[in-house]
Amino acid sequence: MREEMLNADAELDSALRDFKLSMRAWSEAELSRPRTVKAPMRTAVWRMAAGWAMGCVLVLGAGSAGVYEHGRRVETAREQAKVAAEQEAQRKLAAQNAALDEDALLLHVDSDVARQVPAAMDPLTGLVDAGEIKQ
């Protein structure tokens, strides 16, 4: 039995030595063979990042366009309200001026009607005394 064990040990040693030699040979062969270096696959990462960036730009652009449009509409509404208020003030002023013009016209007509002598005969009234007319 001892011989069998020695025989098994020698066989195991031989197998391990052969394995060791083959591994060293394989390692040296791998180290000595020419290699090509491939660029890492970063294009997919950059494409994904660029896609996200473009998506964010589009969302922000659409949002800012909406805010700008809303602001422009508010400003237009304010301008229209201001113009309407100015027109209303001008209408009130025109109505007041028309009332004043009407009052001035009525005063002028009243003064013309209240005259004893027509305007065409005014130069003649200066020739006659007021006391002579009453007689």
N, C-alpha and C. Protein backbone atom coordinates (compact mmCIF):
# COMPACT_ATOMS: atom_id res chain seq x y z
N MET A 1 0.80 -1.15 0.00
CA MET A 1 0.00 0.00 0.00
C MET A 1 0.87 1.25 0.00
N ARG A 2 1.92 1.10 0.62
CA ARG A 2 2.83 2.21 0.64
C ARG A 2 3.33 2.51 -0.76
N GLU A 3 3.55 1.48 -1.50
CA GLU A 3 4.00 1.69 -2.86
C GLU A 3 2.91 2.37 -3.68
N GLU A 4 1.73 2.00 -3.43
CA GLU A 4 0.62 2.63 -4.16
C GLU A 4 0.51 4.11 -3.80
N MET A 5 0.75 4.43 -2.55
CA MET A 5 0.68 5.83 -2.13
C MET A 5 1.82 6.61 -2.73
N LEU A 6 2.99 6.01 -2.75
CA LEU A 6 4.12 6.70 -3.35
C LEU A 6 3.90 6.87 -4.83
N ASN A 7 3.35 5.86 -5.42
CA ASN A 7 3.04 5.92 -6.83
C ASN A 7 2.00 7.03 -7.09
N ALA A 8 0.97 7.14 -6.25
CA ALA A 8 -0.07 8.17 -6.39
C ALA A 8 0.53 9.55 -6.14
N ASP A 9 1.45 9.63 -5.13
CA ASP A 9 2.09 10.92 -4.86
C ASP A 9 2.94 11.34 -6.03
N ALA A 10 3.69 10.42 -6.61
CA ALA A 10 4.55 10.74 -7.74
C ALA A 10 3.69 11.16 -8.93
N GLU A 11 2.56 10.47 -9.11
CA GLU A 11 1.66 10.80 -10.21
C GLU A 11 1.04 12.19 -9.99
N LEU A 12 0.67 12.48 -8.76
CA LEU A 12 0.11 13.80 -8.42
C LEU A 12 1.16 14.87 -8.61
N ASP A 13 2.39 14.61 -8.13
CA ASP A 13 3.47 15.59 -8.31
C ASP A 13 3.72 15.83 -9.79
N SER A 14 3.72 14.79 -10.57
CA SER A 14 3.95 14.93 -12.00
C SER A 14 2.83 15.75 -12.65
N ALA A 15 1.59 15.49 -12.25
CA ALA A 15 0.44 16.22 -12.80
C ALA A 15 0.51 17.69 -12.41
N LEU A 16 0.85 17.96 -11.14
CA LEU A 16 0.94 19.36 -10.68
C LEU A 16 2.10 20.08 -11.36
N ARG A 17 3.24 19.40 -11.54
CA ARG A 17 4.39 20.01 -12.21
C ARG A 17 4.03 20.31 -13.67
N ASP A 18 3.37 19.38 -14.33
CA ASP A 18 2.96 19.61 -15.72
C ASP A 18 1.97 20.80 -15.80
N PHE A 19 1.03 20.85 -14.85
CA PHE A 19 0.07 21.96 -14.82
C PHE A 19 0.77 23.29 -14.61
N LYS A 20 1.77 23.29 -13.67
CA LYS A 20 2.53 24.50 -13.37
C LYS A 20 3.30 24.96 -14.60
N LEU A 21 3.95 24.02 -15.28
CA LEU A 21 4.72 24.36 -16.48
C LEU A 21 3.81 24.86 -17.59
N SER A 22 2.68 24.24 -17.74
CA SER A 22 1.76 24.69 -18.80
C SER A 22 1.19 26.07 -18.48
N MET A 23 0.94 26.35 -17.21
CA MET A 23 0.42 27.68 -16.82
C MET A 23 1.48 28.75 -17.05
N ARG A 24 2.74 28.45 -16.71
CA ARG A 24 3.80 29.43 -16.95
C ARG A 24 3.97 29.66 -18.45
N ALA A 25 3.92 28.60 -19.23
CA ALA A 25 4.06 28.74 -20.68
C ALA A 25 2.91 29.58 -21.24
N TRP A 26 1.72 29.29 -20.76
CA TRP A 26 0.55 30.06 -21.24
C TRP A 26 0.68 31.53 -20.84
N SER A 27 1.12 31.83 -19.61
CA SER A 27 1.27 33.20 -19.14
C SER A 27 2.31 33.94 -19.96
N GLU A 28 3.46 33.28 -20.22
CA GLU A 28 4.50 33.94 -21.02
C GLU A 28 4.00 34.18 -22.44
N ALA A 29 3.24 33.24 -22.98
CA ALA A 29 2.70 33.41 -24.33
C ALA A 29 1.71 34.59 -24.36
N GLU A 30 0.88 34.69 -23.35
CA GLU A 30 -0.09 35.80 -23.30
C GLU A 30 0.60 37.15 -23.13
N LEU A 31 1.64 37.17 -22.31
CA LEU A 31 2.36 38.43 -22.10
C LEU A 31 3.13 38.86 -23.34
N SER A 32 3.63 37.90 -24.10
CA SER A 32 4.46 38.26 -25.25
C SER A 32 3.66 38.49 -26.53
N ARG A 33 2.40 38.14 -26.57
CA ARG A 33 1.64 38.34 -27.82
C ARG A 33 1.27 39.82 -27.97
N PRO A 34 1.23 40.31 -29.23
CA PRO A 34 0.87 41.72 -29.44
C PRO A 34 -0.61 41.95 -29.12
N ARG A 35 -0.85 43.12 -28.59
CA ARG A 35 -2.23 43.45 -28.17
C ARG A 35 -2.67 44.76 -28.83
N THR A 36 -3.92 44.88 -29.05
CA THR A 36 -4.51 46.13 -29.55
C THR A 36 -5.37 46.71 -28.44
N VAL A 37 -5.22 47.99 -28.28
CA VAL A 37 -5.98 48.67 -27.23
C VAL A 37 -7.22 49.27 -27.88
N LYS A 38 -8.34 48.95 -27.35
CA LYS A 38 -9.60 49.48 -27.86
C LYS A 38 -10.01 50.67 -27.01
N ALA A 39 -10.56 51.67 -27.69
CA ALA A 39 -11.06 52.84 -26.97
C ALA A 39 -12.27 52.43 -26.15
N PRO A 40 -12.38 52.95 -24.97
CA PRO A 40 -13.54 52.61 -24.16
C PRO A 40 -14.83 53.13 -24.81
N MET A 41 -15.88 52.47 -24.57
CA MET A 41 -17.17 52.83 -25.16
C MET A 41 -17.82 53.98 -24.40
N ARG A 42 -17.31 55.14 -24.64
CA ARG A 42 -17.86 56.33 -23.97
C ARG A 42 -18.87 57.05 -24.84
N THR A 43 -18.94 56.72 -26.10
CA THR A 43 -19.86 57.42 -26.99
C THR A 43 -21.30 57.24 -26.56
N ALA A 44 -21.63 56.07 -26.07
CA ALA A 44 -23.00 55.84 -25.63
C ALA A 44 -23.33 56.72 -24.42
N VAL A 45 -22.38 56.88 -23.53
CA VAL A 45 -22.60 57.72 -22.36
C VAL A 45 -22.77 59.19 -22.78
N TRP A 46 -21.89 59.62 -23.69
CA TRP A 46 -21.99 61.01 -24.15
C TRP A 46 -23.27 61.25 -24.93
N ARG A 47 -23.67 60.27 -25.71
CA ARG A 47 -24.93 60.43 -26.45
C ARG A 47 -26.11 60.53 -25.50
N MET A 48 -26.09 59.71 -24.47
CA MET A 48 -27.18 59.76 -23.50
C MET A 48 -27.17 61.10 -22.76
N ALA A 49 -25.99 61.56 -22.37
CA ALA A 49 -25.91 62.85 -21.68
C ALA A 49 -26.34 63.99 -22.60
N ALA A 50 -25.93 63.92 -23.87
CA ALA A 50 -26.34 64.95 -24.83
C ALA A 50 -27.85 64.92 -25.04
N GLY A 51 -28.43 63.72 -25.07
CA GLY A 51 -29.88 63.61 -25.21
C GLY A 51 -30.62 64.23 -24.04
N TRP A 52 -30.13 63.96 -22.83
CA TRP A 52 -30.75 64.57 -21.64
C TRP A 52 -30.61 66.08 -21.67
N ALA A 53 -29.42 66.55 -22.07
CA ALA A 53 -29.19 68.00 -22.12
C ALA A 53 -30.13 68.66 -23.14
N MET A 54 -30.28 68.05 -24.30
CA MET A 54 -31.17 68.61 -25.31
C MET A 54 -32.62 68.58 -24.84
N GLY A 55 -32.99 67.50 -24.16
CA GLY A 55 -34.35 67.43 -23.61
C GLY A 55 -34.60 68.53 -22.60
N CYS A 56 -33.62 68.76 -21.74
CA CYS A 56 -33.76 69.85 -20.75
C CYS A 56 -33.85 71.20 -21.42
N VAL A 57 -33.03 71.41 -22.45
CA VAL A 57 -33.08 72.68 -23.19
C VAL A 57 -34.46 72.87 -23.82
N LEU A 58 -35.00 71.82 -24.40
CA LEU A 58 -36.33 71.93 -25.01
C LEU A 58 -37.41 72.23 -23.98
N VAL A 59 -37.35 71.56 -22.85
CA VAL A 59 -38.35 71.81 -21.81
C VAL A 59 -38.24 73.24 -21.27
N LEU A 60 -37.01 73.67 -21.00
CA LEU A 60 -36.82 75.03 -20.50
C LEU A 60 -37.21 76.06 -21.55
N GLY A 61 -36.91 75.78 -22.81
CA GLY A 61 -37.29 76.69 -23.88
C GLY A 61 -38.80 76.84 -24.00
N ALA A 62 -39.49 75.72 -23.94
CA ALA A 62 -40.95 75.77 -24.02
C ALA A 62 -41.53 76.49 -22.80
N GLY A 63 -40.98 76.21 -21.63
CA GLY A 63 -41.47 76.89 -20.42
C GLY A 63 -41.21 78.38 -20.46
N SER A 64 -40.03 78.78 -20.88
CA SER A 64 -39.72 80.21 -20.91
C SER A 64 -40.53 80.91 -22.00
N ALA A 65 -40.80 80.22 -23.10
CA ALA A 65 -41.65 80.81 -24.14
C ALA A 65 -43.05 81.06 -23.60
N GLY A 66 -43.56 80.12 -22.83
CA GLY A 66 -44.89 80.31 -22.22
C GLY A 66 -44.91 81.46 -21.25
N VAL A 67 -43.88 81.57 -20.44
CA VAL A 67 -43.79 82.68 -19.47
C VAL A 67 -43.69 84.00 -20.22
N TYR A 68 -42.87 84.04 -21.28
CA TYR A 68 -42.72 85.27 -22.07
C TYR A 68 -44.05 85.67 -22.71
N GLU A 69 -44.75 84.68 -23.28
CA GLU A 69 -46.03 84.97 -23.93
C GLU A 69 -47.05 85.48 -22.91
N HIS A 70 -47.08 84.88 -21.73
CA HIS A 70 -48.00 85.34 -20.69
C HIS A 70 -47.67 86.78 -20.28
N GLY A 71 -46.39 87.06 -20.10
CA GLY A 71 -45.98 88.42 -19.73
C GLY A 71 -46.35 89.42 -20.80
N ARG A 72 -46.19 89.01 -22.07
CA ARG A 72 -46.54 89.92 -23.17
C ARG A 72 -48.04 90.18 -23.20
N ARG A 73 -48.83 89.15 -22.93
CA ARG A 73 -50.29 89.34 -22.90
C ARG A 73 -50.70 90.26 -21.75
N VAL A 74 -50.07 90.08 -20.61
CA VAL A 74 -50.38 90.95 -19.46
C VAL A 74 -50.02 92.39 -19.80
N GLU A 75 -48.85 92.59 -20.41
CA GLU A 75 -48.43 93.94 -20.78
C GLU A 75 -49.38 94.55 -21.80
N THR A 76 -49.82 93.76 -22.77
CA THR A 76 -50.77 94.25 -23.77
C THR A 76 -52.09 94.63 -23.11
N ALA A 77 -52.55 93.83 -22.16
CA ALA A 77 -53.80 94.14 -21.46
C ALA A 77 -53.65 95.44 -20.66
N ARG A 78 -52.49 95.63 -20.03
CA ARG A 78 -52.27 96.88 -19.29
C ARG A 78 -52.28 98.09 -20.22
N GLU A 79 -51.62 97.94 -21.38
CA GLU A 79 -51.59 99.04 -22.34
C GLU A 79 -53.00 99.35 -22.84
N GLN A 80 -53.80 98.30 -23.11
CA GLN A 80 -55.16 98.53 -23.58
C GLN A 80 -56.00 99.21 -22.50
N ALA A 81 -55.82 98.82 -21.26
CA ALA A 81 -56.55 99.46 -20.16
C ALA A 81 -56.14 100.92 -20.02
N LYS A 82 -54.84 101.18 -20.20
CA LYS A 82 -54.35 102.56 -20.11
C LYS A 82 -54.93 103.42 -21.24
N VAL A 83 -54.95 102.86 -22.46
CA VAL A 83 -55.52 103.59 -23.60
C VAL A 83 -57.01 103.84 -23.39
N ALA A 84 -57.71 102.82 -22.87
CA ALA A 84 -59.15 102.99 -22.61
C ALA A 84 -59.39 104.07 -21.56
N ALA A 85 -58.56 104.11 -20.52
CA ALA A 85 -58.70 105.14 -19.49
C ALA A 85 -58.41 106.52 -20.06
N GLU A 86 -57.40 106.63 -20.92
CA GLU A 86 -57.10 107.92 -21.54
C GLU A 86 -58.24 108.37 -22.45
N GLN A 87 -58.83 107.44 -23.21
CA GLN A 87 -59.95 107.78 -24.07
C GLN A 87 -61.16 108.22 -23.26
N GLU A 88 -61.39 107.54 -22.15
CA GLU A 88 -62.50 107.94 -21.28
C GLU A 88 -62.28 109.34 -20.71
N ALA A 89 -61.04 109.62 -20.30
CA ALA A 89 -60.72 110.95 -19.78
C ALA A 89 -60.90 112.01 -20.87
N GLN A 90 -60.51 111.69 -22.11
CA GLN A 90 -60.69 112.65 -23.21
C GLN A 90 -62.17 112.86 -23.51
N ARG A 91 -62.98 111.80 -23.42
CA ARG A 91 -64.42 111.96 -23.64
C ARG A 91 -65.04 112.86 -22.57
N LYS A 92 -64.62 112.64 -21.32
CA LYS A 92 -65.16 113.48 -20.24
C LYS A 92 -64.75 114.94 -20.44
N LEU A 93 -63.49 115.15 -20.82
CA LEU A 93 -63.00 116.51 -21.06
C LEU A 93 -63.73 117.15 -22.23
N ALA A 94 -63.97 116.37 -23.28
CA ALA A 94 -64.70 116.88 -24.43
C ALA A 94 -66.14 117.23 -24.05
N ALA A 95 -66.76 116.40 -23.21
CA ALA A 95 -68.13 116.68 -22.76
C ALA A 95 -68.16 117.95 -21.91
N GLN A 96 -67.15 118.14 -21.05
CA GLN A 96 -67.09 119.36 -20.24
C GLN A 96 -66.87 120.57 -21.13
N ASN A 97 -65.98 120.45 -22.12
CA ASN A 97 -65.74 121.56 -23.04
C ASN A 97 -66.97 121.87 -23.85
N ALA A 98 -67.70 120.84 -24.27
CA ALA A 98 -68.93 121.06 -25.03
C ALA A 98 -69.95 121.77 -24.16
N ALA A 99 -70.05 121.39 -22.89
CA ALA A 99 -70.99 122.06 -21.98
C ALA A 99 -70.57 123.51 -21.79
N LEU A 100 -69.26 123.76 -21.64
CA LEU A 100 -68.78 125.15 -21.49
C LEU A 100 -69.02 125.93 -22.77
N ASP A 101 -68.77 125.32 -23.92
CA ASP A 101 -69.01 126.00 -25.19
C ASP A 101 -70.49 126.31 -25.36
N GLU A 102 -71.34 125.38 -24.94
CA GLU A 102 -72.78 125.60 -25.03
C GLU A 102 -73.21 126.75 -24.12
N ASP A 103 -72.65 126.76 -22.90
CA ASP A 103 -72.97 127.86 -21.98
C ASP A 103 -72.47 129.19 -22.53
N ALA A 104 -71.28 129.20 -23.11
CA ALA A 104 -70.74 130.45 -23.68
C ALA A 104 -71.60 130.89 -24.87
N LEU A 105 -72.04 129.96 -25.69
CA LEU A 105 -72.90 130.30 -26.82
C LEU A 105 -74.23 130.86 -26.34
N LEU A 106 -74.79 130.22 -25.31
CA LEU A 106 -76.07 130.72 -24.77
C LEU A 106 -75.90 132.12 -24.18
N LEU A 107 -74.78 132.37 -23.50
CA LEU A 107 -74.53 133.73 -22.97
C LEU A 107 -74.39 134.75 -24.09
N HIS A 108 -73.73 134.35 -25.17
CA HIS A 108 -73.56 135.25 -26.31
C HIS A 108 -74.90 135.56 -26.97
N VAL A 109 -75.73 134.50 -27.15
CA VAL A 109 -77.06 134.69 -27.73
C VAL A 109 -77.91 135.54 -26.79
N ASP A 110 -77.80 135.28 -25.51
CA ASP A 110 -78.57 136.04 -24.54
C ASP A 110 -78.17 137.52 -24.57
N SER A 111 -76.86 137.79 -24.70
CA SER A 111 -76.44 139.19 -24.77
C SER A 111 -76.90 139.84 -26.06
N ASP A 112 -76.93 139.08 -27.17
CA ASP A 112 -77.41 139.63 -28.44
C ASP A 112 -78.90 139.90 -28.39
N VAL A 113 -79.66 139.03 -27.75
CA VAL A 113 -81.11 139.18 -27.67
C VAL A 113 -81.46 140.30 -26.69
N ALA A 114 -80.69 140.48 -25.64
CA ALA A 114 -80.98 141.47 -24.63
C ALA A 114 -80.64 142.89 -25.09
N ARG A 115 -79.94 143.05 -26.15
CA ARG A 115 -79.60 144.40 -26.63
C ARG A 115 -80.86 145.13 -27.08
N GLN A 116 -80.88 146.40 -26.81
CA GLN A 116 -82.00 147.23 -27.25
C GLN A 116 -81.83 147.64 -28.70
N VAL A 117 -80.59 147.80 -29.11
CA VAL A 117 -80.30 148.22 -30.47
C VAL A 117 -79.46 147.12 -31.14
N PRO A 118 -79.77 146.78 -32.38
CA PRO A 118 -78.97 145.77 -33.06
C PRO A 118 -77.52 146.23 -33.24
N ALA A 119 -76.61 145.28 -33.43
CA ALA A 119 -75.18 145.57 -33.52
C ALA A 119 -74.87 146.48 -34.70
N ALA A 120 -75.64 146.40 -35.76
CA ALA A 120 -75.39 147.24 -36.93
C ALA A 120 -75.67 148.70 -36.64
N MET A 121 -76.50 148.99 -35.64
CA MET A 121 -76.85 150.38 -35.34
C MET A 121 -76.05 150.94 -34.17
N ASP A 122 -75.09 150.20 -33.67
CA ASP A 122 -74.25 150.67 -32.56
C ASP A 122 -73.57 152.01 -32.85
N PRO A 123 -73.05 152.26 -34.01
CA PRO A 123 -72.40 153.56 -34.25
C PRO A 123 -73.38 154.74 -34.15
N LEU A 124 -74.63 154.50 -34.44
CA LEU A 124 -75.61 155.57 -34.37
C LEU A 124 -76.01 155.90 -32.93
N THR A 125 -75.93 154.92 -32.04
CA THR A 125 -76.31 155.16 -30.65
C THR A 125 -75.35 156.10 -29.96
N GLY A 126 -74.12 156.14 -30.46
CA GLY A 126 -73.14 157.07 -29.88
C GLY A 126 -73.46 158.52 -30.22
N LEU A 127 -74.23 158.76 -31.27
CA LEU A 127 -74.56 160.11 -31.70
C LEU A 127 -75.72 160.70 -30.89
N VAL A 128 -76.54 159.83 -30.37
CA VAL A 128 -77.71 160.28 -29.65
C VAL A 128 -77.47 160.13 -28.16
N ASP A 129 -77.91 161.09 -27.38
CA ASP A 129 -77.82 161.00 -25.92
C ASP A 129 -78.88 160.06 -25.40
N ALA A 130 -78.61 159.46 -24.28
CA ALA A 130 -79.55 158.54 -23.68
C ALA A 130 -80.77 159.31 -23.20
N GLY A 131 -80.60 160.55 -22.81
CA GLY A 131 -81.73 161.34 -22.31
C GLY A 131 -82.67 161.71 -23.44
N GLU A 132 -82.23 161.91 -24.65
CA GLU A 132 -83.08 162.25 -25.78
C GLU A 132 -83.95 161.10 -26.22
N ILE A 133 -83.48 159.91 -26.04
CA ILE A 133 -84.23 158.75 -26.49
C ILE A 133 -85.44 158.53 -25.60
N LYS A 134 -85.37 158.79 -24.32
CA LYS A 134 -86.47 158.54 -23.41
C LYS A 134 -87.63 159.47 -23.65
N GLN A 135 -87.46 160.63 -24.21
CA GLN A 135 -88.57 161.56 -24.40
C GLN A 135 -89.49 161.11 -25.40
